[in-house]
Amino acid sequence: MQSQPILLVGLWVEDGEPHGSSARFRHLPDLMDSQGFTLATVHASQVDARATAAAPPLGIILSGSRHCLGEDCALDDFAEIAALLAALPSVPVLGICFGHQYLNVLAGGRVERFGVYREDPDFPIQHRGHPLFAGLPDPCKVAEDHGQRVAEPGAGYKVIARSDDGIEAVEHADLPRIGVQFHPEYWPRQRAPHGERVLRNWLGSVVRHRAK
C-alpha cells in the first residue's frame, strides 16, 4: 500500500450532501485499494494549500461540480486550489468535468455553453491511442454529464481526445496534468466500464511518475 494518499478535492456544491461523501465517488476507495492506493477527500472550501504541500499526496483528483465557471463562480473562488497546484507542480493531477474546465481556465483557456445538456452514460469519444485510454477501443464510450465545455485549451495543454461535442480530454506538455470532460467515476452506469479503465490507467501513470 502506498504511504501517501491520492487526494480527491471535492468541488461539488450539492445541497445537503456532506463534504467528502459524494455518492458518485462511493466506489472509488475500493478501486484505489485494489491498486495499492488510499483515498483522502477534502472539500475545496477546506483545502489548506500550505499544509497539503508540506505533506504532498501522490496525486490529486479535482472533481466535477454543478458550478459553471464565468456564470455562478470565478477562478478567485478557488484561490486555495490554485495555490495548491502552484506549490505542487510535480504531483500528477486529474481534472474531471468541472475540474478539467478549471485547469484549462486557470491556464488561460476558455469555456463556453454549447447549446445542449449532455447526459449520456455511453457517449462515444475518439482518443487515437493515448495511454490514458490504453486497453479501450477507439472510439470508446464514456459517461457525460455537463452543459459547458472547454472551447480553447489553456496554455501548455494539448487535446488528446475529442467527440462531436468538441474537446474531451487534454494533457499538459510539461506538467503531469490531465483533464477529462467526461466522468470516469460513473463507470457503474455504463454498459462497459470504460471509465474504470481510464481511472486505472491514470493511477498507473501516477506510479510511473513516482518511479522517475
N, C-alpha and C. Protein backbone atom coordinates (compact mmCIF):
# COMPACT_ATOMS: atom_id res chain seq x y z
N MET A 1 0.85 -1.20 0.00
CA MET A 1 0.00 0.00 0.00
C MET A 1 0.89 1.25 0.00
N GLN A 2 0.56 2.19 -0.87
CA GLN A 2 1.31 3.43 -0.94
C GLN A 2 1.10 4.23 0.35
N SER A 3 2.19 4.80 0.88
CA SER A 3 2.09 5.52 2.15
C SER A 3 1.40 6.87 2.00
N GLN A 4 1.51 7.50 0.84
CA GLN A 4 0.85 8.77 0.59
C GLN A 4 -0.46 8.52 -0.16
N PRO A 5 -1.50 9.29 0.14
CA PRO A 5 -2.79 9.04 -0.49
C PRO A 5 -2.92 9.74 -1.84
N ILE A 6 -3.93 9.35 -2.58
CA ILE A 6 -4.47 10.16 -3.67
C ILE A 6 -5.47 11.11 -3.02
N LEU A 7 -5.37 12.39 -3.33
CA LEU A 7 -6.24 13.38 -2.72
C LEU A 7 -7.36 13.76 -3.68
N LEU A 8 -8.59 13.49 -3.28
CA LEU A 8 -9.76 13.91 -4.04
C LEU A 8 -10.23 15.25 -3.49
N VAL A 9 -10.15 16.28 -4.32
CA VAL A 9 -10.62 17.61 -3.93
C VAL A 9 -12.03 17.78 -4.46
N GLY A 10 -12.99 17.85 -3.56
CA GLY A 10 -14.40 17.96 -3.95
C GLY A 10 -14.79 19.38 -4.30
N LEU A 11 -15.20 19.58 -5.54
CA LEU A 11 -15.66 20.89 -5.99
C LEU A 11 -17.18 20.94 -6.09
N TRP A 12 -17.84 19.87 -5.68
CA TRP A 12 -19.29 19.79 -5.81
C TRP A 12 -19.99 20.77 -4.89
N VAL A 13 -21.24 21.11 -5.25
CA VAL A 13 -21.99 22.10 -4.48
C VAL A 13 -23.39 21.60 -4.14
N GLU A 14 -23.63 20.29 -4.24
CA GLU A 14 -24.95 19.75 -3.99
C GLU A 14 -25.42 20.05 -2.57
N ASP A 15 -26.60 20.60 -2.44
CA ASP A 15 -27.16 20.92 -1.13
C ASP A 15 -27.42 19.65 -0.35
N GLY A 16 -27.07 19.69 0.92
CA GLY A 16 -27.40 18.57 1.80
C GLY A 16 -26.47 17.39 1.69
N GLU A 17 -25.45 17.49 0.86
CA GLU A 17 -24.53 16.38 0.71
C GLU A 17 -23.28 16.64 1.51
N PRO A 18 -22.98 15.78 2.49
CA PRO A 18 -21.81 16.03 3.33
C PRO A 18 -20.53 16.08 2.50
N HIS A 19 -19.65 17.00 2.84
CA HIS A 19 -18.38 17.08 2.15
C HIS A 19 -17.63 15.75 2.32
N GLY A 20 -17.13 15.24 1.20
CA GLY A 20 -16.33 14.03 1.26
C GLY A 20 -17.13 12.76 1.07
N SER A 21 -18.45 12.83 0.92
CA SER A 21 -19.24 11.61 0.80
C SER A 21 -20.10 11.62 -0.46
N SER A 22 -19.63 12.32 -1.50
CA SER A 22 -20.40 12.38 -2.73
C SER A 22 -20.68 10.98 -3.24
N ALA A 23 -21.95 10.68 -3.48
CA ALA A 23 -22.36 9.33 -3.85
C ALA A 23 -21.66 8.84 -5.12
N ARG A 24 -21.34 9.76 -6.01
CA ARG A 24 -20.71 9.35 -7.26
C ARG A 24 -19.33 8.75 -7.04
N PHE A 25 -18.71 9.03 -5.89
CA PHE A 25 -17.37 8.52 -5.61
C PHE A 25 -17.38 7.38 -4.58
N ARG A 26 -18.54 6.85 -4.23
CA ARG A 26 -18.61 5.90 -3.14
C ARG A 26 -17.85 4.60 -3.43
N HIS A 27 -17.68 4.27 -4.71
CA HIS A 27 -16.98 3.03 -5.08
C HIS A 27 -15.50 3.28 -5.37
N LEU A 28 -15.05 4.56 -5.30
CA LEU A 28 -13.67 4.87 -5.63
C LEU A 28 -12.67 4.33 -4.61
N PRO A 29 -12.96 4.36 -3.29
CA PRO A 29 -11.99 3.80 -2.35
C PRO A 29 -11.63 2.34 -2.63
N ASP A 30 -12.63 1.54 -3.03
CA ASP A 30 -12.34 0.13 -3.32
C ASP A 30 -11.42 0.00 -4.54
N LEU A 31 -11.65 0.83 -5.54
CA LEU A 31 -10.77 0.81 -6.72
C LEU A 31 -9.35 1.20 -6.31
N MET A 32 -9.23 2.26 -5.51
CA MET A 32 -7.92 2.69 -5.05
C MET A 32 -7.22 1.57 -4.28
N ASP A 33 -7.95 0.94 -3.38
CA ASP A 33 -7.38 -0.14 -2.57
C ASP A 33 -6.89 -1.29 -3.44
N SER A 34 -7.65 -1.61 -4.48
CA SER A 34 -7.27 -2.72 -5.36
C SER A 34 -5.98 -2.43 -6.12
N GLN A 35 -5.65 -1.15 -6.26
CA GLN A 35 -4.44 -0.75 -6.98
C GLN A 35 -3.31 -0.34 -6.03
N GLY A 36 -3.52 -0.54 -4.72
CA GLY A 36 -2.48 -0.26 -3.76
C GLY A 36 -2.43 1.18 -3.28
N PHE A 37 -3.54 1.91 -3.43
CA PHE A 37 -3.60 3.31 -3.01
C PHE A 37 -4.64 3.48 -1.91
N THR A 38 -4.51 4.58 -1.18
CA THR A 38 -5.59 5.02 -0.30
C THR A 38 -6.13 6.34 -0.86
N LEU A 39 -7.36 6.64 -0.51
CA LEU A 39 -8.01 7.86 -0.99
C LEU A 39 -8.32 8.76 0.20
N ALA A 40 -7.88 10.01 0.11
CA ALA A 40 -8.25 11.03 1.09
C ALA A 40 -9.11 12.06 0.37
N THR A 41 -10.13 12.57 1.05
CA THR A 41 -11.07 13.50 0.43
C THR A 41 -11.14 14.79 1.24
N VAL A 42 -11.13 15.90 0.55
CA VAL A 42 -11.29 17.20 1.19
C VAL A 42 -12.12 18.08 0.26
N HIS A 43 -13.06 18.81 0.84
CA HIS A 43 -13.82 19.74 0.02
C HIS A 43 -12.97 20.97 -0.29
N ALA A 44 -13.22 21.57 -1.44
CA ALA A 44 -12.43 22.73 -1.86
C ALA A 44 -12.45 23.84 -0.81
N SER A 45 -13.57 23.99 -0.13
CA SER A 45 -13.69 25.04 0.88
C SER A 45 -12.81 24.79 2.10
N GLN A 46 -12.28 23.57 2.23
CA GLN A 46 -11.47 23.23 3.39
C GLN A 46 -10.00 22.99 3.05
N VAL A 47 -9.62 23.23 1.81
CA VAL A 47 -8.24 22.99 1.40
C VAL A 47 -7.31 24.01 2.06
N ASP A 48 -6.23 23.50 2.62
CA ASP A 48 -5.15 24.33 3.18
C ASP A 48 -3.93 24.04 2.31
N ALA A 49 -3.64 24.92 1.37
CA ALA A 49 -2.59 24.66 0.40
C ALA A 49 -1.24 24.46 1.06
N ARG A 50 -0.93 25.30 2.04
CA ARG A 50 0.38 25.20 2.69
C ARG A 50 0.55 23.89 3.43
N ALA A 51 -0.47 23.47 4.17
CA ALA A 51 -0.39 22.22 4.92
C ALA A 51 -0.31 21.02 3.99
N THR A 52 -1.08 21.04 2.92
CA THR A 52 -1.06 19.91 1.98
C THR A 52 0.27 19.83 1.26
N ALA A 53 0.81 20.97 0.88
CA ALA A 53 2.10 20.99 0.19
C ALA A 53 3.22 20.48 1.09
N ALA A 54 3.06 20.63 2.39
CA ALA A 54 4.09 20.16 3.33
C ALA A 54 4.12 18.63 3.41
N ALA A 55 3.01 17.98 3.09
CA ALA A 55 2.94 16.52 3.06
C ALA A 55 2.20 16.12 1.78
N PRO A 56 2.86 16.21 0.64
CA PRO A 56 2.18 16.09 -0.65
C PRO A 56 1.54 14.72 -0.87
N PRO A 57 0.36 14.70 -1.49
CA PRO A 57 -0.24 13.44 -1.90
C PRO A 57 0.49 12.88 -3.12
N LEU A 58 0.21 11.62 -3.44
CA LEU A 58 0.80 11.02 -4.65
C LEU A 58 0.17 11.60 -5.91
N GLY A 59 -1.09 11.94 -5.81
CA GLY A 59 -1.82 12.51 -6.94
C GLY A 59 -3.01 13.28 -6.44
N ILE A 60 -3.56 14.12 -7.31
CA ILE A 60 -4.72 14.94 -6.96
C ILE A 60 -5.79 14.76 -8.01
N ILE A 61 -7.02 14.54 -7.57
CA ILE A 61 -8.18 14.50 -8.45
C ILE A 61 -9.06 15.70 -8.13
N LEU A 62 -9.35 16.50 -9.14
CA LEU A 62 -10.28 17.61 -8.99
C LEU A 62 -11.63 17.17 -9.51
N SER A 63 -12.64 17.18 -8.68
CA SER A 63 -13.93 16.59 -9.03
C SER A 63 -14.74 17.46 -9.98
N GLY A 64 -15.84 16.89 -10.43
CA GLY A 64 -16.84 17.65 -11.17
C GLY A 64 -17.68 18.48 -10.22
N SER A 65 -18.61 19.25 -10.77
CA SER A 65 -19.41 20.16 -9.97
C SER A 65 -20.59 20.67 -10.78
N ARG A 66 -21.60 21.18 -10.08
CA ARG A 66 -22.68 21.90 -10.76
C ARG A 66 -22.32 23.36 -10.98
N HIS A 67 -21.17 23.78 -10.50
CA HIS A 67 -20.70 25.13 -10.79
C HIS A 67 -20.51 25.32 -12.29
N CYS A 68 -20.62 26.56 -12.74
CA CYS A 68 -20.31 26.93 -14.11
C CYS A 68 -19.37 28.12 -14.07
N LEU A 69 -18.13 27.91 -14.47
CA LEU A 69 -17.14 28.98 -14.46
C LEU A 69 -17.59 30.13 -15.35
N GLY A 70 -17.48 31.34 -14.82
CA GLY A 70 -17.88 32.51 -15.56
C GLY A 70 -19.35 32.84 -15.42
N GLU A 71 -20.11 31.97 -14.73
CA GLU A 71 -21.54 32.20 -14.52
C GLU A 71 -21.84 32.35 -13.03
N ASP A 72 -21.73 31.26 -12.28
CA ASP A 72 -22.01 31.34 -10.85
C ASP A 72 -20.74 31.28 -10.00
N CYS A 73 -19.58 31.25 -10.64
CA CYS A 73 -18.33 31.23 -9.91
C CYS A 73 -17.20 31.73 -10.81
N ALA A 74 -16.06 32.03 -10.20
CA ALA A 74 -14.91 32.53 -10.93
C ALA A 74 -13.65 31.89 -10.36
N LEU A 75 -12.53 32.06 -11.05
CA LEU A 75 -11.28 31.49 -10.58
C LEU A 75 -10.94 31.92 -9.15
N ASP A 76 -11.24 33.16 -8.82
CA ASP A 76 -10.90 33.67 -7.50
C ASP A 76 -11.61 32.92 -6.38
N ASP A 77 -12.71 32.23 -6.71
CA ASP A 77 -13.42 31.45 -5.69
C ASP A 77 -12.65 30.21 -5.28
N PHE A 78 -11.61 29.86 -6.03
CA PHE A 78 -10.83 28.65 -5.77
C PHE A 78 -9.35 28.99 -5.60
N ALA A 79 -9.09 30.07 -4.89
CA ALA A 79 -7.72 30.55 -4.74
C ALA A 79 -6.82 29.52 -4.05
N GLU A 80 -7.35 28.78 -3.08
CA GLU A 80 -6.53 27.78 -2.39
C GLU A 80 -6.18 26.62 -3.31
N ILE A 81 -7.07 26.29 -4.25
CA ILE A 81 -6.77 25.23 -5.21
C ILE A 81 -5.63 25.69 -6.13
N ALA A 82 -5.72 26.93 -6.60
CA ALA A 82 -4.66 27.47 -7.44
C ALA A 82 -3.33 27.49 -6.69
N ALA A 83 -3.37 27.87 -5.41
CA ALA A 83 -2.14 27.90 -4.60
C ALA A 83 -1.58 26.49 -4.42
N LEU A 84 -2.47 25.52 -4.24
CA LEU A 84 -2.03 24.13 -4.08
C LEU A 84 -1.35 23.63 -5.34
N LEU A 85 -1.96 23.89 -6.49
CA LEU A 85 -1.37 23.43 -7.75
C LEU A 85 -0.04 24.13 -8.02
N ALA A 86 0.04 25.41 -7.68
CA ALA A 86 1.29 26.14 -7.87
C ALA A 86 2.40 25.59 -6.98
N ALA A 87 2.02 25.13 -5.79
CA ALA A 87 3.00 24.61 -4.84
C ALA A 87 3.46 23.20 -5.17
N LEU A 88 2.65 22.47 -5.95
CA LEU A 88 2.94 21.06 -6.24
C LEU A 88 2.94 20.79 -7.75
N PRO A 89 3.82 21.43 -8.50
CA PRO A 89 3.79 21.26 -9.95
C PRO A 89 4.16 19.86 -10.42
N SER A 90 4.85 19.08 -9.59
CA SER A 90 5.28 17.74 -10.00
C SER A 90 4.31 16.65 -9.58
N VAL A 91 3.23 17.00 -8.88
CA VAL A 91 2.25 15.99 -8.46
C VAL A 91 1.23 15.79 -9.57
N PRO A 92 1.00 14.55 -10.01
CA PRO A 92 0.01 14.31 -11.06
C PRO A 92 -1.39 14.77 -10.66
N VAL A 93 -2.07 15.39 -11.61
CA VAL A 93 -3.42 15.91 -11.38
C VAL A 93 -4.35 15.37 -12.47
N LEU A 94 -5.53 14.93 -12.04
CA LEU A 94 -6.60 14.55 -12.96
C LEU A 94 -7.80 15.44 -12.69
N GLY A 95 -8.17 16.28 -13.64
CA GLY A 95 -9.35 17.11 -13.53
C GLY A 95 -10.53 16.45 -14.22
N ILE A 96 -11.64 16.31 -13.51
CA ILE A 96 -12.83 15.64 -14.04
C ILE A 96 -13.92 16.68 -14.27
N CYS A 97 -14.41 16.79 -15.49
CA CYS A 97 -15.52 17.66 -15.87
C CYS A 97 -15.25 19.11 -15.43
N PHE A 98 -15.87 19.59 -14.37
CA PHE A 98 -15.57 20.94 -13.90
C PHE A 98 -14.09 21.08 -13.56
N GLY A 99 -13.50 20.04 -12.97
CA GLY A 99 -12.08 20.09 -12.67
C GLY A 99 -11.23 20.26 -13.92
N HIS A 100 -11.62 19.62 -14.99
CA HIS A 100 -10.98 19.77 -16.30
C HIS A 100 -11.14 21.19 -16.82
N GLN A 101 -12.33 21.73 -16.72
CA GLN A 101 -12.57 23.10 -17.15
C GLN A 101 -11.75 24.08 -16.31
N TYR A 102 -11.70 23.83 -15.02
CA TYR A 102 -10.95 24.71 -14.12
C TYR A 102 -9.46 24.73 -14.49
N LEU A 103 -8.87 23.57 -14.74
CA LEU A 103 -7.46 23.51 -15.11
C LEU A 103 -7.18 24.36 -16.35
N ASN A 104 -8.06 24.25 -17.32
CA ASN A 104 -7.85 24.99 -18.57
C ASN A 104 -8.02 26.49 -18.39
N VAL A 105 -9.05 26.90 -17.68
CA VAL A 105 -9.27 28.34 -17.46
C VAL A 105 -8.15 28.91 -16.60
N LEU A 106 -7.68 28.16 -15.62
CA LEU A 106 -6.57 28.60 -14.79
C LEU A 106 -5.34 28.90 -15.63
N ALA A 107 -5.18 28.16 -16.74
CA ALA A 107 -4.02 28.33 -17.63
C ALA A 107 -4.33 29.27 -18.79
N GLY A 108 -5.44 30.01 -18.70
CA GLY A 108 -5.75 30.99 -19.72
C GLY A 108 -6.68 30.51 -20.82
N GLY A 109 -7.24 29.31 -20.66
CA GLY A 109 -8.19 28.78 -21.64
C GLY A 109 -9.57 29.38 -21.48
N ARG A 110 -10.50 28.87 -22.27
CA ARG A 110 -11.85 29.43 -22.28
C ARG A 110 -12.89 28.31 -22.30
N VAL A 111 -13.96 28.49 -21.52
CA VAL A 111 -15.09 27.56 -21.54
C VAL A 111 -16.31 28.25 -22.12
N GLU A 112 -17.27 27.46 -22.55
CA GLU A 112 -18.49 28.01 -23.13
C GLU A 112 -19.64 27.04 -22.96
N ARG A 113 -20.86 27.57 -23.01
CA ARG A 113 -22.05 26.73 -23.16
C ARG A 113 -22.10 26.23 -24.59
N PHE A 114 -22.65 25.04 -24.80
CA PHE A 114 -22.68 24.54 -26.16
C PHE A 114 -24.06 24.12 -26.65
N GLY A 115 -25.10 24.67 -26.06
CA GLY A 115 -26.44 24.56 -26.64
C GLY A 115 -27.27 23.37 -26.19
N VAL A 116 -26.61 22.34 -25.64
CA VAL A 116 -27.34 21.18 -25.14
C VAL A 116 -26.78 20.82 -23.77
N TYR A 117 -27.56 20.08 -22.99
CA TYR A 117 -27.01 19.50 -21.78
C TYR A 117 -26.75 18.04 -22.09
N ARG A 118 -25.49 17.65 -22.08
CA ARG A 118 -25.12 16.29 -22.46
C ARG A 118 -25.14 15.38 -21.24
N GLU A 119 -26.09 14.47 -21.21
CA GLU A 119 -26.19 13.48 -20.13
C GLU A 119 -26.37 12.11 -20.78
N ASP A 120 -25.28 11.34 -20.82
CA ASP A 120 -25.28 10.07 -21.55
C ASP A 120 -24.20 9.19 -20.92
N PRO A 121 -24.55 7.98 -20.43
CA PRO A 121 -23.54 7.13 -19.82
C PRO A 121 -22.62 6.45 -20.82
N ASP A 122 -22.99 6.48 -22.10
CA ASP A 122 -22.22 5.77 -23.13
C ASP A 122 -22.05 6.64 -24.36
N PHE A 123 -21.35 7.76 -24.17
CA PHE A 123 -21.16 8.73 -25.25
C PHE A 123 -19.81 8.47 -25.92
N PRO A 124 -19.77 8.33 -27.26
CA PRO A 124 -18.52 7.97 -27.93
C PRO A 124 -17.55 9.13 -28.08
N ILE A 125 -16.29 8.87 -27.78
CA ILE A 125 -15.22 9.84 -27.99
C ILE A 125 -14.07 9.16 -28.74
N GLN A 126 -13.23 9.98 -29.37
CA GLN A 126 -12.08 9.47 -30.12
C GLN A 126 -10.80 9.89 -29.40
N HIS A 127 -9.90 8.93 -29.16
CA HIS A 127 -8.70 9.23 -28.38
C HIS A 127 -7.40 8.93 -29.11
N ARG A 128 -7.45 8.23 -30.21
CA ARG A 128 -6.27 7.96 -31.05
C ARG A 128 -5.12 7.31 -30.29
N GLY A 129 -5.48 6.45 -29.35
CA GLY A 129 -4.48 5.61 -28.70
C GLY A 129 -3.66 6.25 -27.61
N HIS A 130 -4.11 7.36 -27.04
CA HIS A 130 -3.36 7.96 -25.93
C HIS A 130 -3.30 6.97 -24.76
N PRO A 131 -2.17 6.93 -24.01
CA PRO A 131 -2.04 5.98 -22.90
C PRO A 131 -3.14 6.05 -21.85
N LEU A 132 -3.78 7.20 -21.67
CA LEU A 132 -4.89 7.28 -20.71
C LEU A 132 -6.01 6.32 -21.08
N PHE A 133 -6.10 5.98 -22.37
CA PHE A 133 -7.17 5.12 -22.86
C PHE A 133 -6.65 3.74 -23.26
N ALA A 134 -5.49 3.36 -22.76
CA ALA A 134 -4.91 2.06 -23.10
C ALA A 134 -5.89 0.93 -22.76
N GLY A 135 -6.02 -0.02 -23.68
CA GLY A 135 -6.92 -1.15 -23.47
C GLY A 135 -8.35 -0.90 -23.87
N LEU A 136 -8.66 0.31 -24.37
CA LEU A 136 -10.01 0.67 -24.77
C LEU A 136 -10.09 0.82 -26.28
N PRO A 137 -11.25 0.55 -26.85
CA PRO A 137 -11.41 0.76 -28.29
C PRO A 137 -11.39 2.24 -28.63
N ASP A 138 -11.17 2.53 -29.89
CA ASP A 138 -11.23 3.91 -30.37
C ASP A 138 -12.16 3.95 -31.59
N PRO A 139 -13.33 4.56 -31.44
CA PRO A 139 -13.79 5.33 -30.28
C PRO A 139 -14.18 4.43 -29.11
N CYS A 140 -14.19 5.03 -27.91
CA CYS A 140 -14.69 4.35 -26.73
C CYS A 140 -15.84 5.18 -26.17
N LYS A 141 -16.61 4.57 -25.28
CA LYS A 141 -17.78 5.24 -24.73
C LYS A 141 -17.54 5.61 -23.27
N VAL A 142 -17.89 6.85 -22.95
CA VAL A 142 -17.67 7.38 -21.61
C VAL A 142 -18.96 8.04 -21.11
N ALA A 143 -18.99 8.34 -19.82
CA ALA A 143 -20.19 8.93 -19.21
C ALA A 143 -20.07 10.46 -19.20
N GLU A 144 -21.04 11.11 -19.80
CA GLU A 144 -21.06 12.57 -19.88
C GLU A 144 -22.20 13.14 -19.02
N ASP A 145 -21.93 14.29 -18.40
CA ASP A 145 -22.94 14.96 -17.58
C ASP A 145 -22.51 16.41 -17.42
N HIS A 146 -22.77 17.24 -18.44
CA HIS A 146 -22.28 18.61 -18.40
C HIS A 146 -22.99 19.47 -19.44
N GLY A 147 -22.95 20.79 -19.22
CA GLY A 147 -23.53 21.74 -20.14
C GLY A 147 -22.54 22.76 -20.65
N GLN A 148 -21.33 22.77 -20.06
CA GLN A 148 -20.25 23.61 -20.54
C GLN A 148 -19.16 22.72 -21.12
N ARG A 149 -18.29 23.32 -21.93
CA ARG A 149 -17.15 22.60 -22.47
C ARG A 149 -15.97 23.55 -22.60
N VAL A 150 -14.78 22.99 -22.74
CA VAL A 150 -13.59 23.78 -23.00
C VAL A 150 -13.59 24.14 -24.48
N ALA A 151 -13.65 25.44 -24.76
CA ALA A 151 -13.62 25.91 -26.14
C ALA A 151 -12.20 26.12 -26.63
N GLU A 152 -11.33 26.60 -25.73
CA GLU A 152 -9.92 26.82 -26.05
C GLU A 152 -9.08 26.29 -24.90
N PRO A 153 -8.18 25.34 -25.16
CA PRO A 153 -7.35 24.81 -24.08
C PRO A 153 -6.45 25.88 -23.49
N GLY A 154 -6.10 25.71 -22.22
CA GLY A 154 -5.17 26.62 -21.59
C GLY A 154 -3.76 26.46 -22.13
N ALA A 155 -2.91 27.43 -21.85
CA ALA A 155 -1.53 27.40 -22.32
C ALA A 155 -0.83 26.14 -21.82
N GLY A 156 -0.16 25.45 -22.71
CA GLY A 156 0.57 24.25 -22.37
C GLY A 156 -0.22 22.97 -22.52
N TYR A 157 -1.54 23.07 -22.70
CA TYR A 157 -2.38 21.88 -22.81
C TYR A 157 -2.60 21.51 -24.28
N LYS A 158 -2.52 20.23 -24.56
CA LYS A 158 -2.81 19.72 -25.89
C LYS A 158 -4.02 18.79 -25.81
N VAL A 159 -4.81 18.76 -26.86
CA VAL A 159 -6.01 17.93 -26.90
C VAL A 159 -5.61 16.48 -27.17
N ILE A 160 -6.12 15.55 -26.35
CA ILE A 160 -5.82 14.13 -26.53
C ILE A 160 -7.06 13.30 -26.81
N ALA A 161 -8.24 13.91 -26.74
CA ALA A 161 -9.47 13.20 -27.08
C ALA A 161 -10.53 14.21 -27.49
N ARG A 162 -11.34 13.83 -28.47
CA ARG A 162 -12.41 14.68 -28.97
C ARG A 162 -13.68 13.88 -29.16
N SER A 163 -14.78 14.58 -29.39
CA SER A 163 -16.05 13.98 -29.75
C SER A 163 -16.80 14.97 -30.62
N ASP A 164 -18.01 14.61 -30.99
CA ASP A 164 -18.83 15.55 -31.75
C ASP A 164 -19.12 16.82 -30.96
N ASP A 165 -19.00 16.74 -29.62
CA ASP A 165 -19.22 17.91 -28.76
C ASP A 165 -17.98 18.81 -28.66
N GLY A 166 -16.83 18.33 -29.14
CA GLY A 166 -15.62 19.13 -29.05
C GLY A 166 -14.55 18.44 -28.23
N ILE A 167 -13.87 19.20 -27.39
CA ILE A 167 -12.71 18.71 -26.63
C ILE A 167 -13.18 17.82 -25.47
N GLU A 168 -12.63 16.61 -25.40
CA GLU A 168 -12.99 15.66 -24.35
C GLU A 168 -11.88 15.41 -23.34
N ALA A 169 -10.63 15.66 -23.72
CA ALA A 169 -9.52 15.45 -22.78
C ALA A 169 -8.31 16.24 -23.25
N VAL A 170 -7.54 16.71 -22.28
CA VAL A 170 -6.32 17.46 -22.56
C VAL A 170 -5.20 16.95 -21.65
N GLU A 171 -3.98 17.20 -22.09
CA GLU A 171 -2.80 16.85 -21.30
C GLU A 171 -1.81 18.00 -21.38
N HIS A 172 -1.19 18.33 -20.24
CA HIS A 172 -0.20 19.40 -20.25
C HIS A 172 1.12 18.89 -20.81
N ALA A 173 1.78 19.72 -21.58
CA ALA A 173 3.02 19.33 -22.25
C ALA A 173 4.18 19.16 -21.27
N ASP A 174 4.18 19.91 -20.18
CA ASP A 174 5.32 19.91 -19.26
C ASP A 174 4.99 19.42 -17.85
N LEU A 175 3.76 19.56 -17.43
CA LEU A 175 3.34 19.16 -16.09
C LEU A 175 2.52 17.88 -16.17
N PRO A 176 2.53 17.04 -15.13
CA PRO A 176 1.76 15.79 -15.14
C PRO A 176 0.28 16.05 -14.83
N ARG A 177 -0.38 16.77 -15.73
CA ARG A 177 -1.78 17.16 -15.52
C ARG A 177 -2.63 16.78 -16.72
N ILE A 178 -3.74 16.14 -16.43
CA ILE A 178 -4.69 15.71 -17.45
C ILE A 178 -6.08 16.15 -17.03
N GLY A 179 -6.86 16.60 -17.99
CA GLY A 179 -8.25 16.94 -17.73
C GLY A 179 -9.15 16.15 -18.67
N VAL A 180 -10.27 15.66 -18.15
CA VAL A 180 -11.25 14.93 -18.96
C VAL A 180 -12.62 15.55 -18.77
N GLN A 181 -13.32 15.78 -19.87
CA GLN A 181 -14.64 16.38 -19.80
C GLN A 181 -15.68 15.41 -19.26
N PHE A 182 -15.44 14.14 -19.46
CA PHE A 182 -16.39 13.10 -19.05
C PHE A 182 -16.16 12.70 -17.59
N HIS A 183 -16.98 11.75 -17.12
CA HIS A 183 -16.94 11.31 -15.72
C HIS A 183 -16.51 9.84 -15.65
N PRO A 184 -15.22 9.55 -15.53
CA PRO A 184 -14.81 8.15 -15.42
C PRO A 184 -15.34 7.47 -14.17
N GLU A 185 -15.61 8.25 -13.13
CA GLU A 185 -16.11 7.66 -11.87
C GLU A 185 -17.54 7.15 -11.98
N TYR A 186 -18.20 7.44 -13.09
CA TYR A 186 -19.57 6.96 -13.32
C TYR A 186 -19.59 5.57 -13.95
N TRP A 187 -18.49 4.83 -13.92
CA TRP A 187 -18.45 3.58 -14.67
C TRP A 187 -19.54 2.57 -14.30
N PRO A 188 -20.09 2.54 -13.05
CA PRO A 188 -21.17 1.58 -12.80
C PRO A 188 -22.42 1.83 -13.65
N ARG A 189 -22.55 3.04 -14.21
CA ARG A 189 -23.71 3.35 -15.04
C ARG A 189 -23.54 2.89 -16.49
N GLN A 190 -22.34 2.47 -16.85
CA GLN A 190 -22.03 2.18 -18.24
C GLN A 190 -22.32 0.72 -18.61
N ARG A 191 -22.58 0.50 -19.89
CA ARG A 191 -22.73 -0.87 -20.39
C ARG A 191 -21.41 -1.62 -20.27
N ALA A 192 -20.33 -0.97 -20.65
CA ALA A 192 -18.98 -1.49 -20.45
C ALA A 192 -18.23 -0.44 -19.63
N PRO A 193 -17.49 -0.87 -18.58
CA PRO A 193 -16.92 0.10 -17.64
C PRO A 193 -15.65 0.76 -18.16
N HIS A 194 -15.78 1.54 -19.23
CA HIS A 194 -14.61 2.22 -19.79
C HIS A 194 -14.03 3.24 -18.82
N GLY A 195 -14.90 3.88 -18.05
CA GLY A 195 -14.41 4.87 -17.09
C GLY A 195 -13.49 4.26 -16.05
N GLU A 196 -13.79 3.04 -15.63
CA GLU A 196 -12.91 2.37 -14.66
C GLU A 196 -11.53 2.17 -15.26
N ARG A 197 -11.47 1.76 -16.52
CA ARG A 197 -10.19 1.56 -17.18
C ARG A 197 -9.41 2.87 -17.25
N VAL A 198 -10.09 3.97 -17.55
CA VAL A 198 -9.42 5.27 -17.59
C VAL A 198 -8.80 5.59 -16.23
N LEU A 199 -9.54 5.37 -15.16
CA LEU A 199 -9.01 5.65 -13.82
C LEU A 199 -7.83 4.73 -13.48
N ARG A 200 -7.93 3.46 -13.85
CA ARG A 200 -6.82 2.54 -13.61
C ARG A 200 -5.58 2.98 -14.39
N ASN A 201 -5.78 3.41 -15.61
CA ASN A 201 -4.65 3.88 -16.41
C ASN A 201 -4.01 5.12 -15.80
N TRP A 202 -4.85 6.02 -15.29
CA TRP A 202 -4.29 7.22 -14.66
C TRP A 202 -3.50 6.84 -13.40
N LEU A 203 -4.02 5.94 -12.60
CA LEU A 203 -3.30 5.50 -11.41
C LEU A 203 -1.97 4.86 -11.79
N GLY A 204 -1.96 4.11 -12.89
CA GLY A 204 -0.70 3.54 -13.37
C GLY A 204 0.30 4.62 -13.73
N SER A 205 -0.18 5.72 -14.31
CA SER A 205 0.72 6.82 -14.65
C SER A 205 1.26 7.50 -13.40
N VAL A 206 0.47 7.52 -12.33
CA VAL A 206 0.95 8.07 -11.05
C VAL A 206 2.13 7.25 -10.54
N VAL A 207 2.00 5.93 -10.62
CA VAL A 207 3.08 5.04 -10.17
C VAL A 207 4.33 5.26 -11.01
N ARG A 208 4.15 5.35 -12.32
CA ARG A 208 5.31 5.54 -13.20
C ARG A 208 5.98 6.89 -12.96
N HIS A 209 5.16 7.90 -12.69
CA HIS A 209 5.70 9.23 -12.43
C HIS A 209 6.53 9.21 -11.14
N ARG A 210 6.04 8.51 -10.15
CA ARG A 210 6.77 8.46 -8.86
C ARG A 210 8.11 7.75 -9.03
N ALA A 211 8.16 6.79 -9.97
CA ALA A 211 9.38 6.00 -10.14
C ALA A 211 10.47 6.73 -10.92
N LYS A 212 10.13 7.87 -11.51
CA LYS A 212 11.12 8.61 -12.30
C LYS A 212 12.22 9.19 -11.42
